[in-house]
Amino acid sequence: MDINKLIAVRRAVYPSQFNMGEIDKDALKQLLENANMAPTHKMTQPWFFKIYKNKAKTRLGKAMVHAMKVYSPLDLRQDFKKKKIFEKCRLSNCVLGIFMKRSTEVSIPEWEEIAAVAMAVQNIWLSCVDQKIGCYWSSPQYTAQMHSFFDLNADERCLGFMYMGKFDHTTLPVKERMGIASKVEWLV
């Protein structure tokens, strides 16, 4: 699919929309190779990923529920949220943990490192469209409570999860957006 079409049809696709089917390991490897080509200031390449499949998804779901309860112990919607977390993990073929490692060797603002990770994720997202994989990036606040589950160092943090499953994006209508002309000022 041509790059302009990929960008136009890229959408958040939720686990309840996924089709049955396995995302093969080679497709996942290619998504990650494409992520690794993202721009990065001073080549810090701050992104890294963890892929959760099968029983690992169940362990992740349990850790997410525990972290959610610790993060918001007084939330009256905990039972609803717990079911939602487990359902998203169950319906996804895999869940990609999205992480950032802060550079200690060069002085780069944290927002630039986060932006680099976001660009890596965008590369994954566009590649998913091409591979007929649906996905969406979720960034729950409770991930800060999961540091030990992820076995992260002090200079690392979780920036969320990408839920993934088989899906054909060409079945989605292109969403209309406000025209770019209203968002650009030409200075000559």
C-alpha atoms as a PDB file:
ATOM      1  CA  MET A   1       0.000   0.000   0.000  1.00  0.00           C
ATOM      2  CA  ASP A   2       1.333   3.448  -0.815  1.00  0.00           C
ATOM      3  CA  ILE A   3       2.516   5.574   2.135  1.00  0.00           C
ATOM      4  CA  ASN A   4      -0.182   8.237   1.672  1.00  0.00           C
ATOM      5  CA  LYS A   5      -2.912   5.578   1.827  1.00  0.00           C
ATOM      6  CA  LEU A   6      -1.281   3.939   4.875  1.00  0.00           C
ATOM      7  CA  ILE A   7      -1.309   7.260   6.703  1.00  0.00           C
ATOM      8  CA  ALA A   8      -4.900   8.001   5.674  1.00  0.00           C
ATOM      9  CA  VAL A   9      -6.319   4.660   6.867  1.00  0.00           C
ATOM     10  CA  ARG A  10      -4.246   4.299  10.050  1.00  0.00           C
ATOM     11  CA  ARG A  11      -6.656   4.213  12.993  1.00  0.00           C
ATOM     12  CA  ALA A  12      -6.875   3.027  16.538  1.00  0.00           C
ATOM     13  CA  VAL A  13      -8.389  -0.446  16.321  1.00  0.00           C
ATOM     14  CA  TYR A  14      -9.543  -1.894  19.623  1.00  0.00           C
ATOM     15  CA  PRO A  15      -9.294  -5.543  20.711  1.00  0.00           C
ATOM     16  CA  SER A  16     -13.058  -6.053  20.368  1.00  0.00           C
ATOM     17  CA  GLN A  17     -12.599  -5.315  16.632  1.00  0.00           C
ATOM     18  CA  PHE A  18      -9.727  -7.751  16.050  1.00  0.00           C
ATOM     19  CA  ASN A  19     -10.189 -10.778  13.791  1.00  0.00           C
ATOM     20  CA  MET A  20      -9.027 -14.187  14.900  1.00  0.00           C
ATOM     21  CA  GLY A  21      -5.608 -15.224  13.728  1.00  0.00           C
ATOM     22  CA  GLU A  22      -1.993 -15.337  14.713  1.00  0.00           C
ATOM     23  CA  ILE A  23       0.421 -12.496  14.071  1.00  0.00           C
ATOM     24  CA  ASP A  24       3.509 -14.377  12.999  1.00  0.00           C
ATOM     25  CA  LYS A  25       6.891 -13.776  14.552  1.00  0.00           C
ATOM     26  CA  ASP A  26       8.432 -12.528  11.297  1.00  0.00           C
ATOM     27  CA  ALA A  27       5.753  -9.822  11.003  1.00  0.00           C
ATOM     28  CA  LEU A  28       6.434  -8.734  14.599  1.00  0.00           C
ATOM     29  CA  LYS A  29      10.174  -8.656  13.938  1.00  0.00           C
ATOM     30  CA  GLN A  30       9.606  -6.441  10.890  1.00  0.00           C
ATOM     31  CA  LEU A  31       7.409  -4.057  12.917  1.00  0.00           C
ATOM     32  CA  LEU A  32      10.205  -3.732  15.461  1.00  0.00           C
ATOM     33  CA  GLU A  33      12.853  -3.231  12.763  1.00  0.00           C
ATOM     34  CA  ASN A  34      10.710  -0.414  11.372  1.00  0.00           C
ATOM     35  CA  ALA A  35      10.379   1.065  14.865  1.00  0.00           C
ATOM     36  CA  ASN A  36      14.150   1.030  15.145  1.00  0.00           C
ATOM     37  CA  MET A  37      14.403   3.326  12.098  1.00  0.00           C
ATOM     38  CA  ALA A  38      12.683   6.223  13.915  1.00  0.00           C
ATOM     39  CA  PRO A  39      14.498   9.554  14.142  1.00  0.00           C
ATOM     40  CA  THR A  40      16.409  10.058  17.365  1.00  0.00           C
ATOM     41  CA  HIS A  41      18.433  13.048  18.560  1.00  0.00           C
ATOM     42  CA  LYS A  42      22.134  12.155  18.864  1.00  0.00           C
ATOM     43  CA  MET A  43      21.226   8.522  18.071  1.00  0.00           C
ATOM     44  CA  THR A  44      20.210   7.763  21.652  1.00  0.00           C
ATOM     45  CA  GLN A  45      17.550   5.333  20.361  1.00  0.00           C
ATOM     46  CA  PRO A  46      15.667   5.452  23.674  1.00  0.00           C
ATOM     47  CA  TRP A  47      12.976   2.898  22.767  1.00  0.00           C
ATOM     48  CA  PHE A  48      12.736  -0.717  23.753  1.00  0.00           C
ATOM     49  CA  PHE A  49       9.864  -3.164  23.706  1.00  0.00           C
ATOM     50  CA  LYS A  50       8.577  -6.305  25.417  1.00  0.00           C
ATOM     51  CA  ILE A  51       6.197  -8.632  23.587  1.00  0.00           C
ATOM     52  CA  TYR A  52       3.593 -10.444  25.672  1.00  0.00           C
ATOM     53  CA  LYS A  53       1.865 -13.468  24.138  1.00  0.00           C
ATOM     54  CA  ASN A  54      -0.067 -16.435  25.492  1.00  0.00           C
ATOM     55  CA  LYS A  55       0.538 -16.970  29.240  1.00  0.00           C
ATOM     56  CA  ALA A  56       2.710 -13.849  29.413  1.00  0.00           C
ATOM     57  CA  LYS A  57      -0.386 -11.785  28.447  1.00  0.00           C
ATOM     58  CA  THR A  58      -2.226 -13.295  31.432  1.00  0.00           C
ATOM     59  CA  ARG A  59       0.645 -12.411  33.776  1.00  0.00           C
ATOM     60  CA  LEU A  60       0.724  -8.893  32.319  1.00  0.00           C
ATOM     61  CA  GLY A  61      -3.032  -8.514  32.808  1.00  0.00           C
ATOM     62  CA  LYS A  62      -2.759  -9.589  36.460  1.00  0.00           C
ATOM     63  CA  ALA A  63       0.102  -7.125  37.030  1.00  0.00           C
ATOM     64  CA  MET A  64      -1.902  -4.356  35.353  1.00  0.00           C
ATOM     65  CA  VAL A  65      -4.918  -5.036  37.592  1.00  0.00           C
ATOM     66  CA  HIS A  66      -2.725  -5.028  40.688  1.00  0.00           C
ATOM     67  CA  ALA A  67      -1.073  -1.751  39.628  1.00  0.00           C
ATOM     68  CA  MET A  68      -4.463  -0.183  38.873  1.00  0.00           C
ATOM     69  CA  LYS A  69      -5.689  -1.090  42.363  1.00  0.00           C
ATOM     70  CA  VAL A  70      -2.553   0.345  43.998  1.00  0.00           C
ATOM     71  CA  TYR A  71      -2.738   3.510  41.891  1.00  0.00           C
ATOM     72  CA  SER A  72      -6.402   4.223  42.626  1.00  0.00           C
ATOM     73  CA  PRO A  73      -7.488   2.191  45.662  1.00  0.00           C
ATOM     74  CA  LEU A  74     -10.670   4.218  46.201  1.00  0.00           C
ATOM     75  CA  ASP A  75     -11.923   3.997  42.619  1.00  0.00           C
ATOM     76  CA  LEU A  76     -15.422   2.542  42.728  1.00  0.00           C
ATOM     77  CA  ARG A  77     -15.076   1.272  39.136  1.00  0.00           C
ATOM     78  CA  GLN A  78     -12.267  -1.176  39.903  1.00  0.00           C
ATOM     79  CA  ASP A  79     -14.307  -4.288  39.068  1.00  0.00           C
ATOM     80  CA  PHE A  80     -15.303  -2.813  35.702  1.00  0.00           C
ATOM     81  CA  LYS A  81     -11.708  -1.771  34.954  1.00  0.00           C
ATOM     82  CA  LYS A  82     -10.378  -5.189  35.982  1.00  0.00           C
ATOM     83  CA  LYS A  83     -12.714  -6.946  33.534  1.00  0.00           C
ATOM     84  CA  LYS A  84     -11.781  -4.482  30.802  1.00  0.00           C
ATOM     85  CA  ILE A  85      -8.031  -5.058  31.309  1.00  0.00           C
ATOM     86  CA  PHE A  86      -8.406  -8.844  31.183  1.00  0.00           C
ATOM     87  CA  GLU A  87     -10.695  -8.648  28.137  1.00  0.00           C
ATOM     88  CA  LYS A  88      -8.240  -6.453  26.187  1.00  0.00           C
ATOM     89  CA  CYS A  89      -5.412  -8.885  26.935  1.00  0.00           C
ATOM     90  CA  ARG A  90      -7.539 -11.930  26.050  1.00  0.00           C
ATOM     91  CA  LEU A  91      -8.762 -10.516  22.724  1.00  0.00           C
ATOM     92  CA  SER A  92      -5.310  -9.354  21.632  1.00  0.00           C
ATOM     93  CA  ASN A  93      -2.978 -11.701  19.826  1.00  0.00           C
ATOM     94  CA  CYS A  94      -0.140  -9.941  21.610  1.00  0.00           C
ATOM     95  CA  VAL A  95       0.503  -6.891  23.748  1.00  0.00           C
ATOM     96  CA  LEU A  96       3.582  -4.808  23.082  1.00  0.00           C
ATOM     97  CA  GLY A  97       5.075  -3.046  26.102  1.00  0.00           C
ATOM     98  CA  ILE A  98       6.493   0.332  25.054  1.00  0.00           C
ATOM     99  CA  PHE A  99       9.477   1.580  27.055  1.00  0.00           C
ATOM    100  CA  MET A 100      11.961   4.427  27.122  1.00  0.00           C
ATOM    101  CA  LYS A 101      15.515   4.442  28.430  1.00  0.00           C
ATOM    102  CA  ARG A 102      16.813   7.917  29.240  1.00  0.00           C
ATOM    103  CA  SER A 103      20.217   8.716  27.877  1.00  0.00           C
ATOM    104  CA  THR A 104      22.808   9.402  30.540  1.00  0.00           C
ATOM    105  CA  GLU A 105      25.686   9.978  28.125  1.00  0.00           C
ATOM    106  CA  VAL A 106      24.332  13.057  26.356  1.00  0.00           C
ATOM    107  CA  SER A 107      22.145  15.899  27.533  1.00  0.00           C
ATOM    108  CA  ILE A 108      18.821  15.613  25.752  1.00  0.00           C
ATOM    109  CA  PRO A 109      15.522  16.907  27.129  1.00  0.00           C
ATOM    110  CA  GLU A 110      13.181  14.134  28.260  1.00  0.00           C
ATOM    111  CA  TRP A 111      10.440  15.319  25.902  1.00  0.00           C
ATOM    112  CA  GLU A 112      12.746  14.636  22.942  1.00  0.00           C
ATOM    113  CA  GLU A 113      13.323  11.090  24.123  1.00  0.00           C
ATOM    114  CA  ILE A 114       9.564  10.592  24.564  1.00  0.00           C
ATOM    115  CA  ALA A 115       9.009  12.052  21.080  1.00  0.00           C
ATOM    116  CA  ALA A 116      11.553   9.598  19.630  1.00  0.00           C
ATOM    117  CA  VAL A 117       9.713   6.679  21.234  1.00  0.00           C
ATOM    118  CA  ALA A 118       6.420   8.052  19.874  1.00  0.00           C
ATOM    119  CA  MET A 119       7.944   8.184  16.398  1.00  0.00           C
ATOM    120  CA  ALA A 120       9.065   4.559  16.763  1.00  0.00           C
ATOM    121  CA  VAL A 121       5.501   3.673  17.762  1.00  0.00           C
ATOM    122  CA  GLN A 122       4.141   5.549  14.736  1.00  0.00           C
ATOM    123  CA  ASN A 123       6.440   3.460  12.528  1.00  0.00           C
ATOM    124  CA  ILE A 124       4.990   0.325  14.151  1.00  0.00           C
ATOM    125  CA  TRP A 125       1.461   1.633  13.693  1.00  0.00           C
ATOM    126  CA  LEU A 126       1.913   2.369   9.998  1.00  0.00           C
ATOM    127  CA  SER A 127       3.605  -1.011   9.529  1.00  0.00           C
ATOM    128  CA  CYS A 128       0.647  -2.680  11.250  1.00  0.00           C
ATOM    129  CA  VAL A 129      -1.706  -1.222   8.637  1.00  0.00           C
ATOM    130  CA  ASP A 130       0.484  -2.682   5.894  1.00  0.00           C
ATOM    131  CA  GLN A 131       0.573  -6.092   7.651  1.00  0.00           C
ATOM    132  CA  LYS A 132      -3.217  -6.161   8.270  1.00  0.00           C
ATOM    133  CA  ILE A 133      -2.732  -5.822  12.008  1.00  0.00           C
ATOM    134  CA  GLY A 134      -5.005  -3.675  14.126  1.00  0.00           C
ATOM    135  CA  CYS A 135      -3.600  -1.923  17.157  1.00  0.00           C
ATOM    136  CA  TYR A 136      -3.934   0.905  19.586  1.00  0.00           C
ATOM    137  CA  TRP A 137      -1.613   2.532  22.092  1.00  0.00           C
ATOM    138  CA  SER A 138      -2.873   2.751  25.652  1.00  0.00           C
ATOM    139  CA  SER A 139      -0.934   4.698  28.261  1.00  0.00           C
ATOM    140  CA  PRO A 140      -2.560   4.109  31.649  1.00  0.00           C
ATOM    141  CA  GLN A 141      -1.253   6.151  34.544  1.00  0.00           C
ATOM    142  CA  TYR A 142      -0.736   3.101  36.720  1.00  0.00           C
ATOM    143  CA  THR A 143       2.263   1.906  34.655  1.00  0.00           C
ATOM    144  CA  ALA A 144       4.501   3.761  37.128  1.00  0.00           C
ATOM    145  CA  GLN A 145       3.365   1.165  39.690  1.00  0.00           C
ATOM    146  CA  MET A 146       4.684  -1.664  37.495  1.00  0.00           C
ATOM    147  CA  HIS A 147       8.399  -0.830  37.553  1.00  0.00           C
ATOM    148  CA  SER A 148       9.399  -4.010  39.377  1.00  0.00           C
ATOM    149  CA  PHE A 149       7.124  -6.233  37.258  1.00  0.00           C
ATOM    150  CA  PHE A 150       8.891  -4.953  34.145  1.00  0.00           C
ATOM    151  CA  ASP A 151      12.293  -5.259  35.845  1.00  0.00           C
ATOM    152  CA  LEU A 152      13.210  -1.703  34.850  1.00  0.00           C
ATOM    153  CA  ASN A 153      16.265   0.281  35.845  1.00  0.00           C
ATOM    154  CA  ALA A 154      15.946   3.727  37.410  1.00  0.00           C
ATOM    155  CA  ASP A 155      16.519   5.436  34.037  1.00  0.00           C
ATOM    156  CA  GLU A 156      13.775   3.430  32.289  1.00  0.00           C
ATOM    157  CA  ARG A 157      10.013   3.819  32.204  1.00  0.00           C
ATOM    158  CA  CYS A 158       6.950   2.329  30.601  1.00  0.00           C
ATOM    159  CA  LEU A 159       5.118   4.576  28.141  1.00  0.00           C
ATOM    160  CA  GLY A 160       2.197   2.206  27.661  1.00  0.00           C
ATOM    161  CA  PHE A 161       0.968  -0.796  25.761  1.00  0.00           C
ATOM    162  CA  MET A 162       0.107  -1.492  22.158  1.00  0.00           C
ATOM    163  CA  TYR A 163      -2.652  -4.082  21.879  1.00  0.00           C
ATOM    164  CA  MET A 164      -2.411  -5.965  18.571  1.00  0.00           C
ATOM    165  CA  GLY A 165      -4.568  -8.355  16.561  1.00  0.00           C
ATOM    166  CA  LYS A 166      -5.363  -9.238  12.966  1.00  0.00           C
ATOM    167  CA  PHE A 167      -7.430  -6.567  11.186  1.00  0.00           C
ATOM    168  CA  ASP A 168      -7.917  -5.204   7.671  1.00  0.00           C
ATOM    169  CA  HIS A 169      -7.784  -1.403   7.821  1.00  0.00           C
ATOM    170  CA  THR A 170      -9.235  -1.014   4.334  1.00  0.00           C
ATOM    171  CA  THR A 171     -12.647  -1.819   5.846  1.00  0.00           C
ATOM    172  CA  LEU A 172     -12.579   1.459   7.793  1.00  0.00           C
ATOM    173  CA  PRO A 173     -13.798   4.733   6.322  1.00  0.00           C
ATOM    174  CA  VAL A 174     -11.280   7.560   6.132  1.00  0.00           C
ATOM    175  CA  LYS A 175     -12.078  10.043   8.876  1.00  0.00           C
ATOM    176  CA  GLU A 176     -12.588  13.586   7.754  1.00  0.00           C
ATOM    177  CA  ARG A 177     -10.235  16.081   9.328  1.00  0.00           C
ATOM    178  CA  MET A 178     -10.117  19.829   9.323  1.00  0.00           C
ATOM    179  CA  GLY A 179      -8.211  20.934   6.230  1.00  0.00           C
ATOM    180  CA  ILE A 180      -4.495  21.592   6.629  1.00  0.00           C
ATOM    181  CA  ALA A 181      -4.839  25.049   5.041  1.00  0.00           C
ATOM    182  CA  SER A 182      -6.409  26.357   8.262  1.00  0.00           C
ATOM    183  CA  LYS A 183      -3.394  25.122  10.253  1.00  0.00           C
ATOM    184  CA  VAL A 184      -0.575  26.573   8.141  1.00  0.00           C
ATOM    185  CA  GLU A 185       0.773  30.051   7.726  1.00  0.00           C
ATOM    186  CA  TRP A 186       2.979  30.526   4.655  1.00  0.00           C
ATOM    187  CA  LEU A 187       5.750  33.050   5.280  1.00  0.00           C
ATOM    188  CA  VAL A 188       7.741  34.170   2.267  1.00  0.00           C
END
